[in-house]
């Protein structure tokens, strides 16, 4: 999984916070941060990263399994 290493802090009004919270909750996001990341950067960005990381892990698993065959 992508390591999140940077921190952003923003100010919002009470109404804006409630709107963000309601949007995130209604769309089944676990956190407001996750909702904001995907709303601003797009799901494609994170999907692409996950696919790349999964491919790396699968290659490692395949190498291990091929080593057991020998």
N, C-alpha and C. Protein backbone atom coordinates (compact mmCIF):
# COMPACT_ATOMS: atom_id res chain seq x y z
N UNK A 1 0.83 -1.18 0.00
CA UNK A 1 0.00 0.00 0.00
C UNK A 1 0.88 1.24 0.00
N UNK A 2 0.40 2.28 -0.64
CA UNK A 2 1.14 3.53 -0.72
C UNK A 2 1.33 4.11 0.68
N UNK A 3 2.58 4.47 0.98
CA UNK A 3 2.86 5.06 2.28
C UNK A 3 2.57 6.55 2.21
N UNK A 4 1.70 7.00 3.08
CA UNK A 4 1.33 8.41 3.14
C UNK A 4 2.27 9.10 4.13
N UNK A 5 3.13 9.97 3.61
CA UNK A 5 4.19 10.54 4.44
C UNK A 5 4.09 12.06 4.62
N UNK A 6 3.15 12.68 3.95
CA UNK A 6 3.02 14.14 4.07
C UNK A 6 1.70 14.48 4.74
N UNK A 7 1.71 15.57 5.47
CA UNK A 7 0.54 15.99 6.23
C UNK A 7 0.09 17.36 5.75
N UNK A 8 -1.19 17.50 5.47
CA UNK A 8 -1.77 18.80 5.11
C UNK A 8 -2.80 19.19 6.16
N UNK A 9 -2.85 20.47 6.43
CA UNK A 9 -3.83 20.97 7.39
C UNK A 9 -4.58 22.12 6.73
N UNK A 10 -5.90 22.04 6.73
CA UNK A 10 -6.69 23.10 6.12
C UNK A 10 -7.76 23.56 7.12
N UNK A 11 -8.20 24.76 6.92
CA UNK A 11 -9.28 25.30 7.75
C UNK A 11 -10.57 25.29 6.94
N UNK A 12 -11.64 24.85 7.57
CA UNK A 12 -12.96 24.86 6.95
C UNK A 12 -13.96 25.34 7.99
N UNK A 13 -15.08 25.84 7.50
CA UNK A 13 -16.13 26.26 8.42
C UNK A 13 -16.84 25.02 8.97
N UNK A 14 -17.67 25.22 9.96
CA UNK A 14 -18.44 24.12 10.53
C UNK A 14 -19.32 23.49 9.45
N UNK A 15 -19.96 24.33 8.64
CA UNK A 15 -20.83 23.82 7.57
C UNK A 15 -20.03 23.03 6.53
N UNK A 16 -18.86 23.54 6.18
CA UNK A 16 -18.02 22.82 5.22
C UNK A 16 -17.58 21.47 5.78
N UNK A 17 -17.22 21.45 7.05
CA UNK A 17 -16.81 20.20 7.68
C UNK A 17 -17.95 19.19 7.65
N UNK A 18 -19.13 19.64 8.02
CA UNK A 18 -20.30 18.75 8.02
C UNK A 18 -20.59 18.22 6.61
N UNK A 19 -20.42 19.08 5.63
CA UNK A 19 -20.64 18.66 4.24
C UNK A 19 -19.62 17.60 3.83
N UNK A 20 -18.35 17.84 4.16
CA UNK A 20 -17.31 16.85 3.86
C UNK A 20 -17.58 15.53 4.58
N UNK A 21 -17.94 15.61 5.84
CA UNK A 21 -18.23 14.41 6.62
C UNK A 21 -19.42 13.64 6.04
N UNK A 22 -20.47 14.36 5.69
CA UNK A 22 -21.65 13.72 5.11
C UNK A 22 -21.33 13.08 3.76
N UNK A 23 -20.59 13.78 2.93
CA UNK A 23 -20.20 13.23 1.63
C UNK A 23 -19.35 11.98 1.79
N UNK A 24 -18.37 12.05 2.67
CA UNK A 24 -17.49 10.91 2.89
C UNK A 24 -18.28 9.71 3.42
N UNK A 25 -19.13 9.95 4.38
CA UNK A 25 -19.92 8.88 4.99
C UNK A 25 -20.89 8.27 3.98
N UNK A 26 -21.57 9.11 3.23
CA UNK A 26 -22.57 8.61 2.29
C UNK A 26 -21.94 7.81 1.15
N UNK A 27 -20.66 8.06 0.87
CA UNK A 27 -19.97 7.34 -0.19
C UNK A 27 -19.07 6.22 0.37
N UNK A 28 -19.29 5.89 1.63
CA UNK A 28 -18.61 4.76 2.30
C UNK A 28 -17.10 4.92 2.42
N UNK A 29 -16.62 6.14 2.54
CA UNK A 29 -15.20 6.35 2.82
C UNK A 29 -14.99 6.17 4.31
N UNK A 30 -13.84 5.61 4.68
CA UNK A 30 -13.54 5.38 6.09
C UNK A 30 -13.17 6.68 6.79
N UNK A 31 -12.54 7.60 6.04
CA UNK A 31 -12.11 8.87 6.64
C UNK A 31 -12.39 10.03 5.68
N UNK A 32 -12.45 11.21 6.24
CA UNK A 32 -12.59 12.41 5.41
C UNK A 32 -11.33 12.57 4.56
N UNK A 33 -10.17 12.24 5.11
CA UNK A 33 -8.91 12.34 4.35
C UNK A 33 -8.96 11.50 3.09
N UNK A 34 -9.43 10.27 3.23
CA UNK A 34 -9.53 9.39 2.07
C UNK A 34 -10.47 9.99 1.02
N UNK A 35 -11.58 10.52 1.49
CA UNK A 35 -12.54 11.15 0.57
C UNK A 35 -11.90 12.34 -0.16
N UNK A 36 -11.22 13.20 0.57
CA UNK A 36 -10.60 14.39 -0.03
C UNK A 36 -9.50 13.99 -1.03
N UNK A 37 -8.67 13.00 -0.66
CA UNK A 37 -7.62 12.55 -1.59
C UNK A 37 -8.23 12.09 -2.91
N UNK A 38 -9.23 11.25 -2.83
CA UNK A 38 -9.82 10.72 -4.05
C UNK A 38 -10.63 11.76 -4.82
N UNK A 39 -11.26 12.70 -4.10
CA UNK A 39 -12.02 13.74 -4.76
C UNK A 39 -11.10 14.72 -5.50
N UNK A 40 -9.92 14.96 -4.96
CA UNK A 40 -9.01 15.93 -5.58
C UNK A 40 -8.03 15.30 -6.55
N UNK A 41 -7.53 14.12 -6.22
CA UNK A 41 -6.52 13.48 -7.07
C UNK A 41 -7.12 12.46 -8.02
N UNK A 42 -8.29 12.01 -7.73
CA UNK A 42 -8.96 11.03 -8.58
C UNK A 42 -8.65 9.61 -8.16
N UNK A 43 -9.62 8.76 -8.34
CA UNK A 43 -9.46 7.36 -7.98
C UNK A 43 -8.41 6.69 -8.85
N UNK A 44 -8.27 7.12 -10.09
CA UNK A 44 -7.31 6.52 -11.00
C UNK A 44 -5.90 6.57 -10.46
N UNK A 45 -5.54 7.66 -9.82
CA UNK A 45 -4.20 7.82 -9.25
C UNK A 45 -3.91 6.73 -8.24
N UNK A 46 -4.84 6.52 -7.33
CA UNK A 46 -4.64 5.52 -6.28
C UNK A 46 -4.80 4.11 -6.82
N UNK A 47 -5.69 3.92 -7.75
CA UNK A 47 -5.88 2.59 -8.35
C UNK A 47 -4.61 2.17 -9.08
N UNK A 48 -4.03 3.10 -9.82
CA UNK A 48 -2.80 2.82 -10.54
C UNK A 48 -1.67 2.43 -9.59
N UNK A 49 -1.55 3.16 -8.48
CA UNK A 49 -0.52 2.84 -7.49
C UNK A 49 -0.76 1.47 -6.88
N UNK A 50 -2.01 1.16 -6.54
CA UNK A 50 -2.32 -0.14 -5.95
C UNK A 50 -2.02 -1.28 -6.91
N UNK A 51 -2.37 -1.11 -8.16
CA UNK A 51 -2.10 -2.14 -9.17
C UNK A 51 -0.61 -2.37 -9.28
N UNK A 52 0.16 -1.31 -9.33
CA UNK A 52 1.61 -1.42 -9.43
C UNK A 52 2.19 -2.16 -8.21
N UNK A 53 1.74 -1.79 -7.03
CA UNK A 53 2.24 -2.43 -5.81
C UNK A 53 1.81 -3.90 -5.75
N UNK A 54 0.58 -4.19 -6.16
CA UNK A 54 0.10 -5.58 -6.18
C UNK A 54 0.91 -6.41 -7.17
N UNK A 55 1.23 -5.83 -8.32
CA UNK A 55 2.04 -6.55 -9.30
C UNK A 55 3.41 -6.91 -8.74
N UNK A 56 4.01 -5.99 -8.02
CA UNK A 56 5.32 -6.26 -7.41
C UNK A 56 5.21 -7.41 -6.40
N UNK A 57 4.17 -7.37 -5.57
CA UNK A 57 3.99 -8.43 -4.58
C UNK A 57 3.73 -9.78 -5.26
N UNK A 58 2.92 -9.78 -6.30
CA UNK A 58 2.64 -11.02 -7.01
C UNK A 58 3.90 -11.60 -7.64
N UNK A 59 4.75 -10.75 -8.20
CA UNK A 59 6.02 -11.23 -8.77
C UNK A 59 6.89 -11.86 -7.69
N UNK A 60 6.93 -11.25 -6.52
CA UNK A 60 7.71 -11.81 -5.41
C UNK A 60 7.15 -13.17 -5.00
N UNK A 61 5.84 -13.28 -4.92
CA UNK A 61 5.19 -14.55 -4.55
C UNK A 61 5.48 -15.61 -5.60
N UNK A 62 5.38 -15.24 -6.87
CA UNK A 62 5.67 -16.20 -7.94
C UNK A 62 7.12 -16.68 -7.87
N UNK A 63 8.05 -15.78 -7.60
CA UNK A 63 9.46 -16.16 -7.46
C UNK A 63 9.64 -17.16 -6.32
N UNK A 64 8.97 -16.93 -5.22
CA UNK A 64 9.05 -17.83 -4.08
C UNK A 64 8.47 -19.19 -4.44
N UNK A 65 7.30 -19.19 -5.08
CA UNK A 65 6.66 -20.45 -5.45
C UNK A 65 7.50 -21.23 -6.48
N UNK A 66 8.11 -20.52 -7.41
CA UNK A 66 8.96 -21.19 -8.38
C UNK A 66 10.19 -21.78 -7.71
N UNK A 67 10.68 -21.14 -6.68
CA UNK A 67 11.81 -21.66 -5.92
C UNK A 67 11.45 -22.94 -5.19
N UNK A 68 10.21 -23.08 -4.77
CA UNK A 68 9.76 -24.29 -4.09
C UNK A 68 9.62 -25.47 -5.05
N UNK A 69 9.35 -25.16 -6.31
CA UNK A 69 9.18 -26.23 -7.31
C UNK A 69 10.48 -26.99 -7.53
N UNK A 70 11.61 -26.32 -7.38
CA UNK A 70 12.91 -26.90 -7.69
C UNK A 70 13.34 -27.91 -6.68
